[in-house]
Amino acid sequence: MFYKSTKAALFALPFLLASTTALAHGGHVHKEEAEGVSISGFYDFAATAVRQDIDRNEHDVKFFNDTEVHVKFRQVSDAGFAYGAVIELEADVTAADDDEGLNADKTYLFFESNLGRVEAGAVDDAQARMNVDPSNFARATGGTHGKYNDVIRFPADPHGHTHTGGSPFALGHDDFIHHPSLPLHHQHGATEDANKISYYSPRVKGFQFGGSFIPDTGDSGTAAGFTGKNGHSDYSNAFAGGLHYLAEIGKVGIAASITGEHGEAEVAGHENLDAYAVGTNLTYAGFNLGASYGDWGTSLSHTSPTLKDSRYVSLGAGYTQGAWGTSITYLQSQFHSNKAKVTSLGVDYALAPGLTPYAEVTFADLERKTPASTNNATALIRHC
């Protein structure tokens, strides 16, 4: 559940996450191990309770569900290399607000050998897959990279628009950095899963390199989805990738990354895509500590002599004991002089294989400069 407003009393609703697979938030490249065809997926049923300053004529208590079916194929050739495909199907009764697509979320091919791994299709880019930040260990829905922004509303220009699914409740999302990631992953939908080719090197002495090439960040799926050269929030000849590091010193586990994005703006008067992020997470005896910093520069902006760089800082801590896990994550960001401060506390319990009840409370302080408006919100989310 999500809880809105720091002034209101918080009330909880039960919430369970039913899933046949464990999901990780970035930080490494996933490899399919089993040969043949496998079917997995997840089902969420969420009860949310929110109190906030913004009123867009909606109920404070809501239910929603999110369902996907994942079909994976992997085979090893006689020559020793592996190949296959992954299809993540949407199984909801309506399209998602974040523009994931009504039919499928991700579809891609992969090839892997001792020389590395290649992916081709509509899937997260190498920067998003290798980025290290506290959301990698955040519990429940993912803390500041979780579902809070599905129910907390963002201050918006009343005459503005949204690229996020077109829902009126998503107004203002594009005017804030609301989770710790760089622009292409932050936009979700067609941009996040734009058609691309990615390469991931083998890991050598803890280091792994990954890079993606995206001809047009607005193109996802078949040729019917081609967008041309005039997308206001699209980039041509985009590159995204970075360096990821894993090590263990004594009993301390270390994960770190340096990632970045670059692309050419498709419309005159818009800034090019240039952004980078650094992050590290530490683990010891069930404890987790993490921090990350991202600098968007002037990406996703109209050219202006008074334009300020956009950036975020993310911090987090967590602890796991047996089937229990808890975490607290914090995000502070600035985008176009619009500021966000978000704190999220989550807890979950592995009740049975594939069945994890959890609860999450998130506090958000959102401030828009022009037109001046704010939202102090608290959201509680529980799955059942």
Protein backbone atom coordinates (compact mmCIF):
# COMPACT_ATOMS: atom_id res chain seq x y z
CA MET A 1 0.00 0.00 0.00
CA PHE A 2 0.95 3.57 -0.42
CA TYR A 3 0.32 6.25 2.15
CA LYS A 4 -0.13 9.91 1.17
CA SER A 5 0.51 13.10 3.14
CA THR A 6 2.77 13.50 6.09
CA LYS A 7 -0.07 15.09 8.07
CA ALA A 8 -2.57 12.27 7.73
CA ALA A 9 -2.90 9.11 9.78
CA LEU A 10 -1.53 6.08 8.01
CA PHE A 11 -3.69 3.05 7.47
CA ALA A 12 -2.69 -0.28 5.99
CA LEU A 13 -4.20 -2.86 3.68
CA PRO A 14 -2.90 -6.40 3.19
CA PHE A 15 -0.89 -7.03 0.06
CA LEU A 16 0.77 -10.14 -1.34
CA LEU A 17 2.93 -10.51 -4.39
CA ALA A 18 2.47 -13.80 -6.18
CA SER A 19 5.28 -14.54 -8.58
CA THR A 20 6.90 -17.59 -10.08
CA THR A 21 10.24 -15.81 -10.43
CA ALA A 22 12.41 -13.58 -8.30
CA LEU A 23 12.89 -10.14 -9.84
CA ALA A 24 16.04 -8.04 -9.44
CA HIS A 25 16.29 -4.29 -10.09
CA GLY A 26 19.34 -3.93 -12.34
CA GLY A 27 22.94 -4.26 -11.27
CA HIS A 28 23.82 -7.28 -13.43
CA VAL A 29 23.01 -9.05 -16.68
CA HIS A 30 20.58 -11.93 -16.36
CA LYS A 31 21.44 -15.16 -18.14
CA GLU A 32 19.01 -17.94 -18.93
CA GLU A 33 20.49 -21.22 -17.66
CA ALA A 34 17.94 -23.96 -18.37
CA GLU A 35 17.73 -25.36 -21.89
CA GLY A 36 14.43 -25.74 -23.71
CA VAL A 37 11.25 -23.73 -23.25
CA SER A 38 10.23 -22.38 -19.85
CA ILE A 39 7.19 -20.38 -18.77
CA SER A 40 7.18 -18.07 -15.78
CA GLY A 41 5.85 -14.65 -14.85
CA PHE A 42 4.27 -12.76 -12.02
CA TYR A 43 0.93 -11.55 -10.70
CA ASP A 44 0.45 -8.55 -8.40
CA PHE A 45 -2.78 -7.57 -6.71
CA ALA A 46 -2.29 -4.28 -4.90
CA ALA A 47 -4.33 -2.37 -2.37
CA THR A 48 -3.26 1.27 -2.09
CA ALA A 49 -4.15 4.05 0.32
CA VAL A 50 -3.01 7.60 -0.37
CA ARG A 51 -3.32 11.05 1.12
CA GLN A 52 -1.96 13.99 -0.81
CA ASP A 53 -2.48 17.66 -1.53
CA ILE A 54 -3.34 17.12 -5.20
CA ASP A 55 -6.90 16.08 -5.96
CA ARG A 56 -7.59 14.81 -9.47
CA ASN A 57 -11.05 13.52 -8.64
CA GLU A 58 -10.01 9.99 -7.68
CA HIS A 59 -10.48 7.70 -4.70
CA ASP A 60 -7.91 7.56 -1.91
CA VAL A 61 -8.19 3.75 -1.65
CA LYS A 62 -7.79 1.63 -4.78
CA PHE A 63 -7.08 -1.89 -5.98
CA PHE A 64 -5.05 -2.72 -9.05
CA ASN A 65 -3.27 -5.71 -10.53
CA ASP A 66 -0.30 -6.22 -12.81
CA THR A 67 0.29 -9.48 -14.64
CA GLU A 68 2.93 -10.75 -17.05
CA VAL A 69 3.68 -14.13 -18.63
CA HIS A 70 7.32 -14.78 -19.59
CA VAL A 71 8.20 -17.34 -22.26
CA LYS A 72 11.89 -18.21 -22.61
CA PHE A 73 13.70 -20.47 -25.03
CA ARG A 74 17.39 -21.43 -24.70
CA GLN A 75 19.43 -23.95 -26.63
CA VAL A 76 23.12 -24.82 -26.82
CA SER A 77 24.55 -25.48 -30.28
CA ASP A 78 26.99 -28.21 -31.20
CA ALA A 79 29.60 -25.46 -31.56
CA GLY A 80 29.17 -24.62 -27.88
CA PHE A 81 27.41 -21.25 -28.02
CA ALA A 82 23.96 -20.69 -26.54
CA TYR A 83 21.07 -18.87 -28.20
CA GLY A 84 17.41 -18.23 -27.61
CA ALA A 85 14.64 -15.72 -27.18
CA VAL A 86 12.64 -14.08 -24.40
CA ILE A 87 9.05 -12.88 -24.75
CA GLU A 88 7.47 -11.02 -21.81
CA LEU A 89 3.74 -10.85 -22.47
CA GLU A 90 1.40 -8.39 -20.82
CA ALA A 91 -1.62 -10.20 -19.36
CA ASP A 92 -3.66 -7.27 -18.00
CA VAL A 93 -7.17 -6.26 -18.97
CA THR A 94 -6.08 -2.70 -19.85
CA ALA A 95 -2.92 -1.02 -21.11
CA ALA A 96 -0.49 0.18 -18.44
CA ASP A 97 -0.11 3.88 -17.61
CA ASP A 98 3.64 3.63 -18.16
CA ASP A 99 3.23 2.72 -21.85
CA GLU A 100 4.64 -0.80 -21.50
CA GLY A 101 2.39 -2.00 -24.31
CA LEU A 102 -0.89 -3.89 -24.35
CA ASN A 103 0.48 -7.09 -25.90
CA ALA A 104 4.10 -7.41 -24.79
CA ASP A 105 6.58 -5.62 -22.56
CA LYS A 106 9.86 -7.01 -23.93
CA THR A 107 10.82 -9.28 -26.84
CA TYR A 108 14.41 -10.09 -27.76
CA LEU A 109 16.92 -12.65 -29.02
CA PHE A 110 20.19 -13.50 -27.32
CA PHE A 111 23.45 -15.26 -28.17
CA GLU A 112 26.13 -16.07 -25.60
CA SER A 113 29.52 -17.76 -25.50
CA ASN A 114 32.87 -17.36 -23.75
CA LEU A 115 33.26 -14.17 -25.82
CA GLY A 116 30.25 -12.51 -24.19
CA ARG A 117 26.54 -12.04 -24.75
CA VAL A 118 24.60 -10.24 -27.50
CA GLU A 119 20.94 -9.20 -27.20
CA ALA A 120 18.80 -7.83 -30.05
CA GLY A 121 15.25 -6.54 -29.77
CA ALA A 122 13.01 -4.52 -27.49
CA VAL A 123 14.58 -4.79 -24.04
CA ASP A 124 16.33 -2.64 -21.40
CA ASP A 125 19.63 -1.18 -22.58
CA ALA A 126 23.04 -1.99 -21.10
CA GLN A 127 23.10 1.14 -18.94
CA ALA A 128 19.86 0.18 -17.21
CA ARG A 129 20.92 -3.46 -16.80
CA MET A 130 24.32 -2.62 -15.30
CA ASN A 131 23.43 0.43 -13.18
CA VAL A 132 24.08 -0.01 -9.44
CA ASP A 133 21.97 1.92 -6.94
CA PRO A 134 20.05 1.21 -3.68
CA SER A 135 16.99 -0.01 -5.58
CA ASN A 136 19.00 -3.15 -6.39
CA PHE A 137 18.32 -4.35 -2.82
CA ALA A 138 15.13 -2.40 -2.03
CA ARG A 139 12.30 -4.59 -0.75
CA ALA A 140 8.56 -4.61 -1.49
CA THR A 141 7.90 -2.79 -4.80
CA GLY A 142 11.41 -1.37 -5.07
CA GLY A 143 11.39 1.68 -2.81
CA THR A 144 12.16 4.91 -4.65
CA HIS A 145 12.29 2.85 -7.86
CA GLY A 146 9.01 1.13 -7.11
CA LYS A 147 5.30 1.67 -7.64
CA TYR A 148 4.80 4.78 -5.51
CA ASN A 149 4.65 7.02 -8.57
CA ASP A 150 1.66 5.03 -9.87
CA VAL A 151 -0.50 6.45 -7.07
CA ILE A 152 1.20 9.67 -5.95
CA ARG A 153 0.40 12.56 -8.29
CA PHE A 154 2.98 15.03 -9.54
CA PRO A 155 2.43 18.80 -9.81
CA ALA A 156 1.80 19.59 -13.47
CA ASP A 157 1.31 22.43 -15.90
CA PRO A 158 -2.49 22.49 -16.40
CA HIS A 159 -1.86 23.06 -20.11
CA GLY A 160 0.91 20.48 -20.31
CA HIS A 161 0.97 16.92 -21.59
CA THR A 162 2.46 13.59 -20.68
CA HIS A 163 4.50 11.02 -22.57
CA THR A 164 3.67 8.43 -19.92
CA GLY A 165 0.75 6.46 -21.28
CA GLY A 166 -1.49 9.50 -21.86
CA SER A 167 -3.35 9.05 -18.57
CA PRO A 168 -4.48 12.32 -16.94
CA PHE A 169 -3.28 10.89 -13.63
CA ALA A 170 0.27 10.72 -15.08
CA LEU A 171 0.42 14.48 -15.68
CA GLY A 172 3.63 15.96 -14.34
CA HIS A 173 5.62 12.70 -14.33
CA ASP A 174 7.79 13.96 -17.19
CA ASP A 175 8.72 17.09 -15.22
CA PHE A 176 10.44 15.29 -12.31
CA ILE A 177 13.17 12.72 -11.77
CA HIS A 178 11.11 10.29 -9.72
CA HIS A 179 13.42 7.28 -9.56
CA PRO A 180 17.22 6.85 -9.67
CA SER A 181 17.95 6.23 -13.34
CA LEU A 182 19.14 7.99 -16.49
CA PRO A 183 16.73 9.48 -19.08
CA LEU A 184 16.19 6.54 -21.46
CA HIS A 185 15.25 4.13 -18.67
CA HIS A 186 13.38 6.83 -16.75
CA GLN A 187 10.91 7.43 -19.61
CA HIS A 188 9.62 3.84 -19.67
CA GLY A 189 7.47 2.54 -22.51
CA ALA A 190 8.74 2.75 -26.08
CA THR A 191 11.86 4.66 -25.07
CA GLU A 192 12.92 2.19 -22.37
CA ASP A 193 12.39 -0.80 -24.64
CA ALA A 194 13.36 0.78 -27.97
CA ASN A 195 14.80 -1.64 -30.53
CA LYS A 196 18.52 -2.04 -29.93
CA ILE A 197 21.56 -4.28 -30.13
CA SER A 198 23.53 -4.80 -26.91
CA TYR A 199 26.81 -6.50 -26.09
CA TYR A 200 27.99 -7.67 -22.65
CA SER A 201 31.58 -8.80 -22.18
CA PRO A 202 32.65 -11.75 -20.05
CA ARG A 203 33.46 -10.77 -16.48
CA VAL A 204 37.22 -10.48 -15.94
CA LYS A 205 38.65 -9.95 -12.44
CA GLY A 206 35.25 -8.63 -11.33
CA PHE A 207 34.80 -6.21 -14.25
CA GLN A 208 32.19 -6.42 -16.98
CA PHE A 209 31.54 -4.01 -19.85
CA GLY A 210 28.21 -3.53 -21.61
CA GLY A 211 27.02 -1.28 -24.41
CA SER A 212 23.88 -0.73 -26.48
CA PHE A 213 23.28 0.98 -29.84
CA ILE A 214 19.80 2.44 -30.46
CA PRO A 215 19.18 3.95 -33.94
CA ASP A 216 16.02 5.77 -32.77
CA THR A 217 14.85 5.80 -29.17
CA GLY A 218 11.25 6.20 -30.33
CA ASP A 219 11.16 2.95 -32.33
CA SER A 220 9.96 -0.14 -30.48
CA GLY A 221 8.48 -3.31 -31.94
CA THR A 222 7.72 -3.74 -35.64
CA ALA A 223 8.11 -1.36 -38.58
CA ALA A 224 4.60 -0.09 -37.82
CA GLY A 225 6.15 1.62 -34.81
CA PHE A 226 8.75 3.66 -36.73
CA THR A 227 8.67 7.30 -35.58
CA GLY A 228 10.85 9.14 -38.14
CA LYS A 229 13.28 11.95 -37.40
CA ASN A 230 11.09 14.46 -35.55
CA GLY A 231 10.33 13.00 -32.14
CA HIS A 232 10.41 15.79 -29.54
CA SER A 233 11.66 13.47 -26.82
CA ASP A 234 13.48 11.01 -29.12
CA TYR A 235 17.18 10.66 -29.91
CA SER A 236 19.03 9.27 -32.91
CA ASN A 237 22.20 7.16 -32.88
CA ALA A 238 22.01 6.72 -29.13
CA PHE A 239 24.57 4.78 -27.09
CA ALA A 240 24.02 3.52 -23.55
CA GLY A 241 26.31 1.40 -21.44
CA GLY A 242 28.96 1.27 -18.77
CA LEU A 243 31.28 -0.70 -16.57
CA HIS A 244 30.10 -2.98 -13.77
CA TYR A 245 32.25 -4.40 -10.95
CA LEU A 246 31.65 -7.23 -8.48
CA ALA A 247 34.02 -8.33 -5.72
CA GLU A 248 34.16 -9.76 -2.22
CA ILE A 249 36.75 -8.53 0.28
CA GLY A 250 36.65 -10.68 3.36
CA LYS A 251 32.95 -10.91 4.19
CA VAL A 252 32.06 -7.63 2.47
CA GLY A 253 30.44 -7.82 -0.96
CA ILE A 254 30.97 -4.89 -3.32
CA ALA A 255 28.99 -3.92 -6.43
CA ALA A 256 29.78 -0.73 -8.34
CA SER A 257 29.06 0.83 -11.72
CA ILE A 258 29.83 3.76 -13.98
CA THR A 259 27.22 4.17 -16.72
CA GLY A 260 26.20 6.75 -19.29
CA GLU A 261 23.99 7.69 -22.23
CA HIS A 262 24.58 9.78 -25.36
CA GLY A 263 22.32 10.60 -28.29
CA GLU A 264 21.51 13.25 -30.89
CA ALA A 265 18.30 15.29 -30.45
CA GLU A 266 15.94 14.81 -33.40
CA VAL A 267 14.37 18.28 -33.25
CA ALA A 268 16.17 21.63 -33.48
CA GLY A 269 16.04 23.62 -30.26
CA HIS A 270 16.32 20.51 -28.10
CA GLU A 271 19.42 19.49 -26.15
CA ASN A 272 21.31 16.30 -26.98
CA LEU A 273 21.27 13.34 -24.63
CA ASP A 274 24.31 13.36 -22.35
CA ALA A 275 23.98 11.78 -18.91
CA TYR A 276 26.00 9.62 -16.54
CA ALA A 277 25.62 7.83 -13.20
CA VAL A 278 27.88 6.25 -10.60
CA GLY A 279 26.82 3.97 -7.78
CA THR A 280 27.97 1.39 -5.27
CA ASN A 281 26.33 -1.13 -2.94
CA LEU A 282 27.93 -2.98 -0.02
CA THR A 283 26.71 -6.15 1.69
CA TYR A 284 27.78 -7.65 5.01
CA ALA A 285 26.08 -10.29 7.20
CA GLY A 286 22.62 -9.56 5.80
CA PHE A 287 23.07 -5.77 5.80
CA ASN A 288 23.05 -3.62 2.67
CA LEU A 289 24.25 -0.05 2.18
CA GLY A 290 24.11 1.81 -1.12
CA ALA A 291 24.44 5.19 -2.79
CA SER A 292 24.28 6.54 -6.32
CA TYR A 293 24.54 9.85 -8.14
CA GLY A 294 23.18 10.68 -11.58
CA ASP A 295 23.74 13.77 -13.72
CA TRP A 296 21.37 14.34 -16.65
CA GLY A 297 23.02 17.56 -17.76
CA THR A 298 20.49 19.31 -20.01
CA SER A 299 19.02 16.10 -21.49
CA LEU A 300 15.27 16.09 -22.26
CA SER A 301 15.29 19.92 -22.36
CA HIS A 302 14.64 22.76 -24.76
CA THR A 303 17.73 24.85 -25.43
CA SER A 304 17.82 27.83 -23.05
CA PRO A 305 20.59 30.13 -21.72
CA THR A 306 19.14 29.88 -18.21
CA LEU A 307 18.79 26.08 -18.20
CA LYS A 308 20.16 24.30 -15.13
CA ASP A 309 21.61 20.80 -15.13
CA SER A 310 19.37 18.07 -13.76
CA ARG A 311 20.63 15.51 -11.24
CA TYR A 312 19.71 13.08 -8.48
CA VAL A 313 21.18 11.47 -5.38
CA SER A 314 19.95 8.13 -4.04
CA LEU A 315 20.75 6.51 -0.68
CA GLY A 316 19.60 3.28 0.92
CA ALA A 317 20.04 0.65 3.60
CA GLY A 318 18.54 -2.78 4.04
CA TYR A 319 18.62 -5.95 6.10
CA THR A 320 17.66 -9.54 5.34
CA GLN A 321 17.18 -12.26 7.95
CA GLY A 322 15.87 -15.59 6.76
CA ALA A 323 12.58 -15.07 4.93
CA TRP A 324 12.28 -11.46 6.13
CA GLY A 325 13.67 -8.43 4.36
CA THR A 326 13.38 -4.70 4.95
CA SER A 327 14.86 -1.57 3.39
CA ILE A 328 14.72 2.21 3.43
CA THR A 329 15.63 4.25 0.35
CA TYR A 330 15.86 7.98 -0.27
CA LEU A 331 15.87 10.03 -3.48
CA GLN A 332 16.53 13.74 -3.90
CA SER A 333 16.39 15.18 -7.40
CA GLN A 334 16.14 18.33 -9.46
CA PHE A 335 14.82 18.54 -13.01
CA HIS A 336 14.08 21.88 -14.75
CA SER A 337 14.19 23.48 -11.27
CA ASN A 338 11.45 21.08 -10.15
CA LYS A 339 12.48 19.31 -6.96
CA ALA A 340 11.58 15.96 -5.43
CA LYS A 341 12.41 14.38 -2.08
CA VAL A 342 11.16 10.82 -1.66
CA THR A 343 11.65 8.37 1.24
CA SER A 344 10.37 4.80 1.04
CA LEU A 345 10.30 2.04 3.67
CA GLY A 346 9.49 -1.50 2.56
CA VAL A 347 9.24 -4.94 4.15
CA ASP A 348 8.48 -8.36 2.66
CA TYR A 349 8.32 -11.99 3.75
CA ALA A 350 8.93 -15.06 1.57
CA LEU A 351 5.89 -16.99 2.75
CA ALA A 352 6.33 -19.77 0.18
CA PRO A 353 8.18 -20.25 -3.11
CA GLY A 354 6.80 -17.62 -5.48
CA LEU A 355 4.57 -16.04 -2.80
CA THR A 356 5.85 -12.92 -1.05
CA PRO A 357 3.56 -10.66 0.99
CA TYR A 358 4.91 -7.12 1.37
CA ALA A 359 4.07 -3.62 2.47
CA GLU A 360 5.60 -0.28 1.59
CA VAL A 361 5.12 3.28 2.80
CA THR A 362 6.45 6.21 0.79
CA PHE A 363 6.64 9.89 1.65
CA ALA A 364 7.07 12.39 -1.17
CA ASP A 365 7.67 16.14 -1.09
CA LEU A 366 7.28 17.48 -4.65
CA GLU A 367 7.81 21.09 -5.68
CA ARG A 368 7.19 22.53 -9.14
CA LYS A 369 8.65 25.94 -10.02
CA THR A 370 6.47 27.03 -12.98
CA PRO A 371 3.57 27.22 -12.50
CA ALA A 372 4.33 27.12 -8.78
CA SER A 373 2.67 24.14 -7.09
CA THR A 374 3.51 21.43 -4.56
CA ASN A 375 2.37 18.07 -3.34
CA ASN A 376 3.09 16.55 0.06
CA ALA A 377 2.04 12.94 -0.20
CA THR A 378 2.17 9.67 1.69
CA ALA A 379 1.28 6.35 0.09
CA LEU A 380 0.89 2.91 1.58
CA ILE A 381 0.94 -0.15 -0.67
CA ARG A 382 0.33 -3.73 0.34
CA HIS A 383 -0.15 -6.74 -1.90
CA CYS A 384 -2.44 -9.65 -1.16
